[in-house]
Amino acid sequence: MKSELQRTWLRRGLSACLLWPAALVYGGLIALRRHLYRLGCLKTGGVAVPVVVVGNVVAGGAGKTPLVMALIEHLRASGYTPGVVSRGYGRHGSDCLQVQPDTPANDCGDEPLLIRRSTGVPVVVAPRRLQAARALLQAHPDTDVIVCDDGLQHYALRRDINIAVFDDRGVGNGWLLPAGPLREPW
């Protein structure tokens, strides 16, 4: 069952129009943040291996985690040794943590735990994905590609490939949060 907000995000009705001024402010902040990264005022860092970011521009789940797991299996079948980094949405704590099969979901987030248990690849969670990537490579130096679960808007980690995942909602009404579902302009 869709919430009222999710229904609002599918069309440009009265509710969306009332939220549109807030979306303009949000869009301005996004543009400013991107500009600060381009100018170098906000720093981007990289790691010594390729980084593939799997994310979405639409708020809410769109199937990122199943795609991450399928990508891991594809990379393995192609001879790579992948690892995964994530923020660990919904977890308690803000430390950098290597996820183990018995790590409680409250400590690492349910999706990183699912990825770790399903694929067996190393998974590290941290609020800053660059920190997680560096910790993963230090603990698992044989890793030759990092898959970042949900990080399209996290510009501090330099990436080589972005994969944007969409579900049947597409871009909804095409407006930015909170008037629409978009986290960034499409």
N, C-alpha and C. Protein backbone atom coordinates (compact mmCIF):
# COMPACT_ATOMS: atom_id res chain seq x y z
N MET A 1 0.84 -1.18 0.00
CA MET A 1 0.00 0.00 0.00
C MET A 1 0.88 1.25 0.00
N LYS A 2 0.67 2.13 -0.93
CA LYS A 2 1.48 3.33 -1.07
C LYS A 2 1.03 4.39 -0.06
N SER A 3 2.02 5.10 0.48
CA SER A 3 1.72 6.21 1.38
C SER A 3 1.22 7.39 0.56
N GLU A 4 0.65 8.36 1.25
CA GLU A 4 0.17 9.57 0.57
C GLU A 4 1.33 10.30 -0.12
N LEU A 5 2.49 10.33 0.54
CA LEU A 5 3.65 10.99 -0.06
C LEU A 5 4.08 10.28 -1.33
N GLN A 6 4.10 8.95 -1.31
CA GLN A 6 4.48 8.20 -2.52
C GLN A 6 3.49 8.46 -3.65
N ARG A 7 2.22 8.59 -3.34
CA ARG A 7 1.22 8.91 -4.38
C ARG A 7 1.45 10.33 -4.90
N THR A 8 1.80 11.26 -4.00
CA THR A 8 2.07 12.64 -4.40
C THR A 8 3.23 12.68 -5.39
N TRP A 9 4.24 11.84 -5.15
CA TRP A 9 5.43 11.84 -5.99
C TRP A 9 5.19 11.29 -7.39
N LEU A 10 4.07 10.66 -7.63
CA LEU A 10 3.79 10.09 -8.95
C LEU A 10 3.12 11.07 -9.90
N ARG A 11 2.59 12.15 -9.37
CA ARG A 11 1.92 13.12 -10.24
C ARG A 11 2.19 14.54 -9.74
N ARG A 12 1.90 15.50 -10.59
CA ARG A 12 2.12 16.91 -10.23
C ARG A 12 0.80 17.54 -9.80
N GLY A 13 0.24 16.99 -8.75
CA GLY A 13 -1.03 17.48 -8.22
C GLY A 13 -0.81 18.62 -7.23
N LEU A 14 -1.88 18.96 -6.53
CA LEU A 14 -1.86 20.08 -5.58
C LEU A 14 -0.81 19.89 -4.49
N SER A 15 -0.74 18.72 -3.91
CA SER A 15 0.23 18.47 -2.83
C SER A 15 1.66 18.68 -3.33
N ALA A 16 1.97 18.14 -4.49
CA ALA A 16 3.31 18.30 -5.05
C ALA A 16 3.60 19.77 -5.33
N CYS A 17 2.62 20.47 -5.87
CA CYS A 17 2.82 21.89 -6.18
C CYS A 17 3.06 22.71 -4.91
N LEU A 18 2.39 22.36 -3.82
CA LEU A 18 2.60 23.06 -2.56
C LEU A 18 4.01 22.81 -2.00
N LEU A 19 4.57 21.66 -2.30
CA LEU A 19 5.92 21.32 -1.83
C LEU A 19 7.01 21.80 -2.79
N TRP A 20 6.63 22.25 -3.97
CA TRP A 20 7.59 22.64 -5.00
C TRP A 20 8.57 23.73 -4.56
N PRO A 21 8.15 24.78 -3.81
CA PRO A 21 9.14 25.77 -3.36
C PRO A 21 10.25 25.16 -2.50
N ALA A 22 9.89 24.21 -1.66
CA ALA A 22 10.91 23.53 -0.85
C ALA A 22 11.85 22.72 -1.75
N ALA A 23 11.31 22.15 -2.83
CA ALA A 23 12.14 21.41 -3.77
C ALA A 23 13.14 22.34 -4.47
N LEU A 24 12.75 23.58 -4.72
CA LEU A 24 13.67 24.54 -5.32
C LEU A 24 14.84 24.83 -4.38
N VAL A 25 14.56 24.98 -3.10
CA VAL A 25 15.61 25.20 -2.10
C VAL A 25 16.53 23.98 -2.06
N TYR A 26 15.95 22.80 -2.01
CA TYR A 26 16.72 21.56 -1.99
C TYR A 26 17.60 21.46 -3.24
N GLY A 27 17.03 21.78 -4.40
CA GLY A 27 17.80 21.75 -5.65
C GLY A 27 18.96 22.72 -5.63
N GLY A 28 18.76 23.90 -5.04
CA GLY A 28 19.84 24.87 -4.93
C GLY A 28 20.98 24.36 -4.05
N LEU A 29 20.61 23.69 -2.96
CA LEU A 29 21.63 23.13 -2.07
C LEU A 29 22.41 22.01 -2.76
N ILE A 30 21.72 21.19 -3.55
CA ILE A 30 22.39 20.12 -4.30
C ILE A 30 23.37 20.72 -5.30
N ALA A 31 22.92 21.75 -6.01
CA ALA A 31 23.78 22.39 -7.02
C ALA A 31 25.00 23.01 -6.35
N LEU A 32 24.81 23.64 -5.21
CA LEU A 32 25.93 24.24 -4.48
C LEU A 32 26.93 23.17 -4.04
N ARG A 33 26.43 22.08 -3.50
CA ARG A 33 27.30 21.01 -3.05
C ARG A 33 28.12 20.43 -4.20
N ARG A 34 27.48 20.17 -5.33
CA ARG A 34 28.20 19.64 -6.51
C ARG A 34 29.26 20.63 -6.98
N HIS A 35 28.91 21.92 -6.97
CA HIS A 35 29.85 22.95 -7.40
C HIS A 35 31.06 23.00 -6.46
N LEU A 36 30.82 22.85 -5.16
CA LEU A 36 31.93 22.85 -4.21
C LEU A 36 32.86 21.66 -4.43
N TYR A 37 32.31 20.52 -4.83
CA TYR A 37 33.16 19.37 -5.17
C TYR A 37 33.96 19.66 -6.44
N ARG A 38 33.31 20.27 -7.45
CA ARG A 38 34.02 20.57 -8.69
C ARG A 38 35.16 21.56 -8.47
N LEU A 39 34.94 22.53 -7.57
CA LEU A 39 35.97 23.53 -7.27
C LEU A 39 37.08 22.98 -6.39
N GLY A 40 36.85 21.84 -5.76
CA GLY A 40 37.83 21.27 -4.87
C GLY A 40 37.70 21.74 -3.43
N CYS A 41 36.67 22.53 -3.14
CA CYS A 41 36.44 22.97 -1.76
C CYS A 41 36.02 21.78 -0.89
N LEU A 42 35.28 20.87 -1.46
CA LEU A 42 34.96 19.59 -0.82
C LEU A 42 35.79 18.55 -1.55
N LYS A 43 36.47 17.72 -0.81
CA LYS A 43 37.45 16.80 -1.39
C LYS A 43 36.86 15.45 -1.76
N THR A 44 37.35 14.95 -2.88
CA THR A 44 37.05 13.60 -3.35
C THR A 44 38.33 12.79 -3.24
N GLY A 45 38.20 11.56 -2.74
CA GLY A 45 39.37 10.70 -2.63
C GLY A 45 39.11 9.38 -3.32
N GLY A 46 40.18 8.75 -3.73
CA GLY A 46 40.05 7.48 -4.42
C GLY A 46 40.83 6.39 -3.74
N VAL A 47 40.69 5.21 -4.28
CA VAL A 47 41.44 4.05 -3.81
C VAL A 47 42.14 3.44 -5.02
N ALA A 48 42.98 2.46 -4.78
CA ALA A 48 43.84 1.90 -5.82
C ALA A 48 43.15 0.90 -6.73
N VAL A 49 41.86 0.64 -6.51
CA VAL A 49 41.13 -0.31 -7.35
C VAL A 49 39.89 0.39 -7.92
N PRO A 50 39.32 -0.16 -9.00
CA PRO A 50 38.10 0.44 -9.55
C PRO A 50 36.94 0.38 -8.55
N VAL A 51 36.11 1.42 -8.60
CA VAL A 51 34.92 1.51 -7.74
C VAL A 51 33.69 1.61 -8.63
N VAL A 52 32.72 0.72 -8.36
CA VAL A 52 31.44 0.72 -9.06
C VAL A 52 30.37 1.10 -8.04
N VAL A 53 29.66 2.19 -8.30
CA VAL A 53 28.61 2.64 -7.39
C VAL A 53 27.26 2.21 -7.96
N VAL A 54 26.48 1.52 -7.13
CA VAL A 54 25.12 1.13 -7.47
C VAL A 54 24.19 1.93 -6.58
N GLY A 55 23.35 2.74 -7.18
CA GLY A 55 22.45 3.58 -6.39
C GLY A 55 21.21 3.94 -7.17
N ASN A 56 20.47 4.87 -6.62
CA ASN A 56 19.30 5.35 -7.34
C ASN A 56 19.12 6.83 -7.09
N VAL A 57 18.45 7.48 -8.01
CA VAL A 57 18.17 8.90 -7.86
C VAL A 57 16.78 9.11 -7.28
N VAL A 58 16.04 8.05 -7.09
CA VAL A 58 14.68 8.12 -6.56
C VAL A 58 14.71 7.65 -5.11
N ALA A 59 14.07 8.40 -4.22
CA ALA A 59 14.00 8.01 -2.81
C ALA A 59 13.23 6.70 -2.68
N GLY A 60 13.71 5.85 -1.79
CA GLY A 60 13.04 4.57 -1.56
C GLY A 60 13.74 3.45 -2.32
N GLY A 61 13.37 2.27 -1.97
CA GLY A 61 13.99 1.10 -2.58
C GLY A 61 13.64 0.95 -4.05
N ALA A 62 14.63 0.54 -4.83
CA ALA A 62 14.41 0.33 -6.26
C ALA A 62 15.05 -0.97 -6.73
N GLY A 63 15.62 -1.75 -5.81
CA GLY A 63 16.24 -3.00 -6.20
C GLY A 63 17.75 -2.96 -6.24
N LYS A 64 18.36 -2.01 -5.51
CA LYS A 64 19.82 -1.89 -5.52
C LYS A 64 20.51 -3.14 -4.96
N THR A 65 20.05 -3.61 -3.83
CA THR A 65 20.74 -4.72 -3.16
C THR A 65 20.76 -5.99 -4.02
N PRO A 66 19.64 -6.40 -4.61
CA PRO A 66 19.72 -7.57 -5.50
C PRO A 66 20.67 -7.35 -6.68
N LEU A 67 20.71 -6.12 -7.20
CA LEU A 67 21.64 -5.84 -8.30
C LEU A 67 23.08 -5.92 -7.81
N VAL A 68 23.37 -5.41 -6.62
CA VAL A 68 24.72 -5.50 -6.05
C VAL A 68 25.13 -6.96 -5.95
N MET A 69 24.25 -7.81 -5.45
CA MET A 69 24.59 -9.23 -5.30
C MET A 69 24.79 -9.90 -6.65
N ALA A 70 23.98 -9.55 -7.63
CA ALA A 70 24.16 -10.11 -8.98
C ALA A 70 25.46 -9.62 -9.60
N LEU A 71 25.79 -8.36 -9.38
CA LEU A 71 27.04 -7.80 -9.89
C LEU A 71 28.24 -8.49 -9.26
N ILE A 72 28.16 -8.77 -7.98
CA ILE A 72 29.25 -9.48 -7.30
C ILE A 72 29.46 -10.85 -7.94
N GLU A 73 28.39 -11.57 -8.18
CA GLU A 73 28.51 -12.90 -8.80
C GLU A 73 29.07 -12.79 -10.21
N HIS A 74 28.64 -11.78 -10.95
CA HIS A 74 29.18 -11.57 -12.31
C HIS A 74 30.68 -11.26 -12.26
N LEU A 75 31.08 -10.40 -11.34
CA LEU A 75 32.49 -10.06 -11.22
C LEU A 75 33.32 -11.29 -10.85
N ARG A 76 32.82 -12.07 -9.93
CA ARG A 76 33.53 -13.30 -9.54
C ARG A 76 33.67 -14.24 -10.73
N ALA A 77 32.58 -14.42 -11.47
CA ALA A 77 32.61 -15.32 -12.63
C ALA A 77 33.59 -14.81 -13.70
N SER A 78 33.86 -13.51 -13.68
CA SER A 78 34.79 -12.91 -14.63
C SER A 78 36.22 -12.88 -14.10
N GLY A 79 36.44 -13.46 -12.92
CA GLY A 79 37.79 -13.57 -12.38
C GLY A 79 38.20 -12.48 -11.41
N TYR A 80 37.28 -11.63 -11.01
CA TYR A 80 37.60 -10.55 -10.07
C TYR A 80 37.37 -11.00 -8.62
N THR A 81 37.95 -10.24 -7.71
CA THR A 81 37.78 -10.46 -6.27
C THR A 81 37.14 -9.20 -5.69
N PRO A 82 35.81 -9.15 -5.68
CA PRO A 82 35.13 -7.92 -5.24
C PRO A 82 34.97 -7.82 -3.73
N GLY A 83 34.77 -6.61 -3.27
CA GLY A 83 34.38 -6.30 -1.91
C GLY A 83 33.29 -5.24 -1.98
N VAL A 84 32.58 -5.03 -0.89
CA VAL A 84 31.44 -4.10 -0.87
C VAL A 84 31.61 -3.10 0.26
N VAL A 85 31.29 -1.85 -0.03
CA VAL A 85 31.21 -0.83 1.01
C VAL A 85 29.81 -0.25 1.01
N SER A 86 29.38 0.20 2.19
CA SER A 86 28.04 0.74 2.35
C SER A 86 28.04 1.67 3.56
N ARG A 87 27.06 2.54 3.60
CA ARG A 87 26.87 3.36 4.79
C ARG A 87 26.28 2.52 5.91
N GLY A 88 25.49 1.53 5.56
CA GLY A 88 24.83 0.72 6.58
C GLY A 88 23.59 1.40 7.11
N TYR A 89 22.72 1.78 6.20
CA TYR A 89 21.51 2.52 6.56
C TYR A 89 20.73 1.81 7.66
N GLY A 90 20.31 2.57 8.67
CA GLY A 90 19.49 2.03 9.74
C GLY A 90 20.25 1.41 10.89
N ARG A 91 21.57 1.40 10.81
CA ARG A 91 22.35 0.77 11.87
C ARG A 91 22.54 1.73 13.04
N HIS A 92 22.85 1.16 14.20
CA HIS A 92 23.21 1.95 15.37
C HIS A 92 24.72 2.10 15.39
N GLY A 93 25.19 3.27 15.70
CA GLY A 93 26.63 3.49 15.73
C GLY A 93 27.13 4.12 14.45
N SER A 94 28.31 4.69 14.54
CA SER A 94 28.89 5.38 13.38
C SER A 94 30.34 4.98 13.15
N ASP A 95 30.75 3.86 13.72
CA ASP A 95 32.12 3.41 13.54
C ASP A 95 32.28 2.73 12.18
N CYS A 96 33.52 2.53 11.79
CA CYS A 96 33.82 1.77 10.58
C CYS A 96 33.86 0.31 11.01
N LEU A 97 33.05 -0.52 10.38
CA LEU A 97 32.86 -1.89 10.85
C LEU A 97 32.92 -2.88 9.70
N GLN A 98 33.73 -3.92 9.87
CA GLN A 98 33.73 -5.01 8.90
C GLN A 98 32.61 -5.97 9.29
N VAL A 99 31.72 -6.22 8.34
CA VAL A 99 30.54 -7.06 8.60
C VAL A 99 30.95 -8.53 8.55
N GLN A 100 30.56 -9.25 9.58
CA GLN A 100 30.77 -10.69 9.64
C GLN A 100 29.41 -11.38 9.51
N PRO A 101 29.37 -12.65 9.16
CA PRO A 101 28.07 -13.33 9.03
C PRO A 101 27.22 -13.28 10.30
N ASP A 102 27.86 -13.16 11.46
CA ASP A 102 27.11 -13.13 12.72
C ASP A 102 26.97 -11.73 13.31
N THR A 103 27.35 -10.69 12.56
CA THR A 103 27.18 -9.32 13.04
C THR A 103 25.69 -9.02 13.14
N PRO A 104 25.23 -8.49 14.27
CA PRO A 104 23.81 -8.13 14.38
C PRO A 104 23.44 -7.03 13.37
N ALA A 105 22.28 -7.15 12.77
CA ALA A 105 21.83 -6.17 11.77
C ALA A 105 21.78 -4.76 12.37
N ASN A 106 21.49 -4.64 13.65
CA ASN A 106 21.47 -3.32 14.29
C ASN A 106 22.83 -2.65 14.24
N ASP A 107 23.90 -3.44 14.18
CA ASP A 107 25.25 -2.89 14.18
C ASP A 107 25.75 -2.54 12.78
N CYS A 108 25.20 -3.18 11.74
CA CYS A 108 25.75 -2.98 10.40
C CYS A 108 24.71 -2.59 9.35
N GLY A 109 23.43 -2.75 9.64
CA GLY A 109 22.38 -2.52 8.65
C GLY A 109 21.97 -3.84 8.04
N ASP A 110 20.69 -3.98 7.72
CA ASP A 110 20.20 -5.27 7.21
C ASP A 110 20.69 -5.59 5.81
N GLU A 111 20.82 -4.59 4.93
CA GLU A 111 21.26 -4.87 3.57
C GLU A 111 22.73 -5.28 3.50
N PRO A 112 23.65 -4.59 4.20
CA PRO A 112 25.04 -5.08 4.20
C PRO A 112 25.16 -6.49 4.77
N LEU A 113 24.38 -6.81 5.79
CA LEU A 113 24.41 -8.16 6.36
C LEU A 113 23.90 -9.18 5.35
N LEU A 114 22.83 -8.86 4.65
CA LEU A 114 22.30 -9.75 3.61
C LEU A 114 23.35 -9.98 2.52
N ILE A 115 24.00 -8.92 2.08
CA ILE A 115 25.04 -9.04 1.05
C ILE A 115 26.18 -9.92 1.55
N ARG A 116 26.61 -9.70 2.78
CA ARG A 116 27.72 -10.50 3.33
C ARG A 116 27.35 -11.97 3.42
N ARG A 117 26.16 -12.25 3.96
CA ARG A 117 25.75 -13.65 4.12
C ARG A 117 25.47 -14.33 2.78
N SER A 118 24.91 -13.60 1.83
CA SER A 118 24.54 -14.20 0.55
C SER A 118 25.73 -14.43 -0.38
N THR A 119 26.70 -13.53 -0.31
CA THR A 119 27.81 -13.60 -1.27
C THR A 119 29.12 -14.07 -0.65
N GLY A 120 29.29 -13.84 0.64
CA GLY A 120 30.54 -14.20 1.30
C GLY A 120 31.68 -13.24 1.06
N VAL A 121 31.46 -12.17 0.29
CA VAL A 121 32.53 -11.21 0.04
C VAL A 121 32.69 -10.29 1.24
N PRO A 122 33.87 -9.70 1.41
CA PRO A 122 34.04 -8.75 2.51
C PRO A 122 33.15 -7.53 2.32
N VAL A 123 32.52 -7.09 3.41
CA VAL A 123 31.65 -5.92 3.42
C VAL A 123 32.07 -5.04 4.59
N VAL A 124 32.27 -3.75 4.32
CA VAL A 124 32.63 -2.80 5.36
C VAL A 124 31.63 -1.65 5.31
N VAL A 125 31.14 -1.25 6.49
CA VAL A 125 30.20 -0.14 6.57
C VAL A 125 30.84 1.01 7.35
N ALA A 126 30.54 2.22 6.93
CA ALA A 126 31.00 3.44 7.60
C ALA A 126 30.18 4.60 7.05
N PRO A 127 29.99 5.64 7.85
CA PRO A 127 29.27 6.81 7.34
C PRO A 127 29.95 7.41 6.11
N ARG A 128 31.29 7.36 6.09
CA ARG A 128 32.05 7.86 4.95
C ARG A 128 32.53 6.67 4.14
N ARG A 129 32.04 6.55 2.92
CA ARG A 129 32.36 5.39 2.11
C ARG A 129 33.83 5.30 1.73
N LEU A 130 34.50 6.44 1.63
CA LEU A 130 35.95 6.42 1.37
C LEU A 130 36.67 5.73 2.52
N GLN A 131 36.28 6.03 3.74
CA GLN A 131 36.86 5.38 4.92
C GLN A 131 36.59 3.87 4.85
N ALA A 132 35.37 3.49 4.48
CA ALA A 132 35.03 2.07 4.38
C ALA A 132 35.87 1.39 3.30
N ALA A 133 36.05 2.05 2.16
CA ALA A 133 36.83 1.46 1.06
C ALA A 133 38.28 1.26 1.47
N ARG A 134 38.84 2.24 2.14
CA ARG A 134 40.24 2.11 2.58
C ARG A 134 40.39 1.00 3.62
N ALA A 135 39.43 0.91 4.54
CA ALA A 135 39.48 -0.15 5.55
C ALA A 135 39.32 -1.52 4.91
N LEU A 136 38.46 -1.63 3.91
CA LEU A 136 38.26 -2.91 3.22
C LEU A 136 39.55 -3.35 2.54
N LEU A 137 40.20 -2.42 1.85
CA LEU A 137 41.44 -2.78 1.15
C LEU A 137 42.57 -3.10 2.11
N GLN A 138 42.59 -2.45 3.26
CA GLN A 138 43.62 -2.77 4.24
C GLN A 138 43.41 -4.18 4.80
N ALA A 139 42.16 -4.53 5.08
CA ALA A 139 41.87 -5.85 5.65
C ALA A 139 41.89 -6.95 4.60
N HIS A 140 41.60 -6.60 3.34
CA HIS A 140 41.52 -7.59 2.25
C HIS A 140 42.27 -7.06 1.03
N PRO A 141 43.60 -7.08 1.08
CA PRO A 141 44.39 -6.49 -0.01
C PRO A 141 44.24 -7.20 -1.36
N ASP A 142 43.66 -8.40 -1.37
CA ASP A 142 43.44 -9.10 -2.63
C ASP A 142 42.21 -8.58 -3.38
N THR A 143 41.42 -7.72 -2.75
CA THR A 143 40.25 -7.13 -3.41
C THR A 143 40.72 -6.29 -4.59
N ASP A 144 40.13 -6.55 -5.77
CA ASP A 144 40.56 -5.80 -6.95
C ASP A 144 39.43 -4.97 -7.58
N VAL A 145 38.27 -4.94 -6.96
CA VAL A 145 37.18 -4.05 -7.38
C VAL A 145 36.25 -3.87 -6.18
N ILE A 146 35.80 -2.64 -5.98
CA ILE A 146 34.88 -2.34 -4.88
C ILE A 146 33.54 -1.96 -5.46
N VAL A 147 32.49 -2.57 -4.91
CA VAL A 147 31.11 -2.22 -5.26
C VAL A 147 30.56 -1.42 -4.09
N CYS A 148 30.10 -0.24 -4.38
CA CYS A 148 29.53 0.63 -3.35
C CYS A 148 28.01 0.53 -3.43
N ASP A 149 27.42 0.02 -2.36
CA ASP A 149 25.97 -0.13 -2.29
C ASP A 149 25.35 1.19 -1.86
N ASP A 150 24.65 1.84 -2.77
CA ASP A 150 23.95 3.10 -2.52
C ASP A 150 24.92 4.22 -2.21
N GLY A 151 25.37 4.89 -3.23
CA GLY A 151 26.29 5.99 -3.01
C GLY A 151 26.35 6.98 -4.15
N LEU A 152 25.31 7.06 -4.98
CA LEU A 152 25.37 7.98 -6.12
C LEU A 152 25.53 9.43 -5.66
N GLN A 153 24.95 9.80 -4.53
CA GLN A 153 25.02 11.17 -4.06
C GLN A 153 26.18 11.37 -3.07
N HIS A 154 27.00 10.37 -2.87
CA HIS A 154 28.13 10.45 -1.95
C HIS A 154 29.40 10.69 -2.78
N TYR A 155 29.69 11.95 -3.06
CA TYR A 155 30.75 12.30 -4.01
C TYR A 155 32.16 12.21 -3.43
N ALA A 156 32.31 12.00 -2.13
CA ALA A 156 33.64 11.97 -1.53
C ALA A 156 34.45 10.76 -1.98
N LEU A 157 33.78 9.69 -2.41
CA LEU A 157 34.47 8.51 -2.93
C LEU A 157 34.49 8.59 -4.46
N ARG A 158 35.69 8.70 -5.01
CA ARG A 158 35.83 8.73 -6.46
C ARG A 158 35.39 7.38 -7.02
N ARG A 159 34.68 7.41 -8.13
CA ARG A 159 34.18 6.18 -8.71
C ARG A 159 34.51 6.10 -10.17
N ASP A 160 34.51 4.87 -10.68
CA ASP A 160 34.81 4.64 -12.08
C ASP A 160 33.55 4.39 -12.89
N ILE A 161 32.56 3.78 -12.26
CA ILE A 161 31.29 3.48 -12.94
C ILE A 161 30.14 3.78 -11.98
N ASN A 162 29.11 4.44 -12.48
CA ASN A 162 27.86 4.63 -11.75
C ASN A 162 26.78 3.80 -12.41
N ILE A 163 26.01 3.08 -11.60
CA ILE A 163 24.85 2.35 -12.10
C ILE A 163 23.63 2.88 -11.36
N ALA A 164 22.70 3.49 -12.09
CA ALA A 164 21.47 4.01 -11.49
C ALA A 164 20.36 3.00 -11.70
N VAL A 165 19.72 2.61 -10.60
CA VAL A 165 18.67 1.60 -10.61
C VAL A 165 17.31 2.29 -10.53
N PHE A 166 16.40 1.85 -11.37
CA PHE A 166 15.03 2.37 -11.36
C PHE A 166 14.06 1.21 -11.26
N ASP A 167 12.92 1.46 -10.66
CA ASP A 167 11.84 0.47 -10.68
C ASP A 167 10.72 1.02 -11.55
N ASP A 168 9.53 0.47 -11.43
CA ASP A 168 8.44 0.87 -12.32
C ASP A 168 7.94 2.29 -12.09
N ARG A 169 8.41 2.95 -11.04
CA ARG A 169 8.03 4.35 -10.80
C ARG A 169 8.79 5.30 -11.73
N GLY A 170 9.87 4.84 -12.32
CA GLY A 170 10.68 5.73 -13.15
C GLY A 170 11.19 6.89 -12.32
N VAL A 171 11.00 8.11 -12.79
CA VAL A 171 11.39 9.30 -12.03
C VAL A 171 10.18 9.96 -11.38
N GLY A 172 9.07 9.22 -11.30
CA GLY A 172 7.87 9.76 -10.67
C GLY A 172 7.38 10.99 -11.41
N ASN A 173 7.09 12.06 -10.67
CA ASN A 173 6.62 13.29 -11.31
C ASN A 173 7.77 14.15 -11.83
N GLY A 174 9.01 13.69 -11.64
CA GLY A 174 10.17 14.40 -12.18
C GLY A 174 10.68 15.53 -11.33
N TRP A 175 10.09 15.74 -10.15
CA TRP A 175 10.51 16.84 -9.28
C TRP A 175 11.40 16.33 -8.15
N LEU A 176 12.20 17.25 -7.62
CA LEU A 176 13.08 16.93 -6.50
C LEU A 176 12.30 16.81 -5.20
N LEU A 177 12.94 16.15 -4.23
CA LEU A 177 12.39 16.08 -2.87
C LEU A 177 12.15 17.49 -2.35
N PRO A 178 11.14 17.75 -1.58
CA PRO A 178 10.07 16.86 -1.14
C PRO A 178 8.86 16.83 -2.06
N ALA A 179 8.89 17.61 -3.15
CA ALA A 179 7.74 17.65 -4.07
C ALA A 179 7.68 16.43 -4.97
N GLY A 180 8.80 15.77 -5.15
CA GLY A 180 8.88 14.58 -5.99
C GLY A 180 9.86 13.60 -5.36
N PRO A 181 10.11 12.49 -6.03
CA PRO A 181 10.96 11.45 -5.44
C PRO A 181 12.46 11.59 -5.74
N LEU A 182 12.85 12.58 -6.53
CA LEU A 182 14.25 12.65 -6.99
C LEU A 182 15.19 13.22 -5.93
N ARG A 183 16.29 12.50 -5.71
CA ARG A 183 17.33 12.95 -4.79
C ARG A 183 18.25 13.98 -5.45
N GLU A 184 18.26 13.97 -6.77
CA GLU A 184 19.06 14.90 -7.55
C GLU A 184 18.38 15.05 -8.91
N PRO A 185 18.66 16.12 -9.65
CA PRO A 185 18.02 16.29 -10.96
C PRO A 185 18.37 15.14 -11.89
N TRP A 186 17.42 14.72 -12.67
CA TRP A 186 17.67 13.61 -13.60
C TRP A 186 17.90 14.14 -14.98
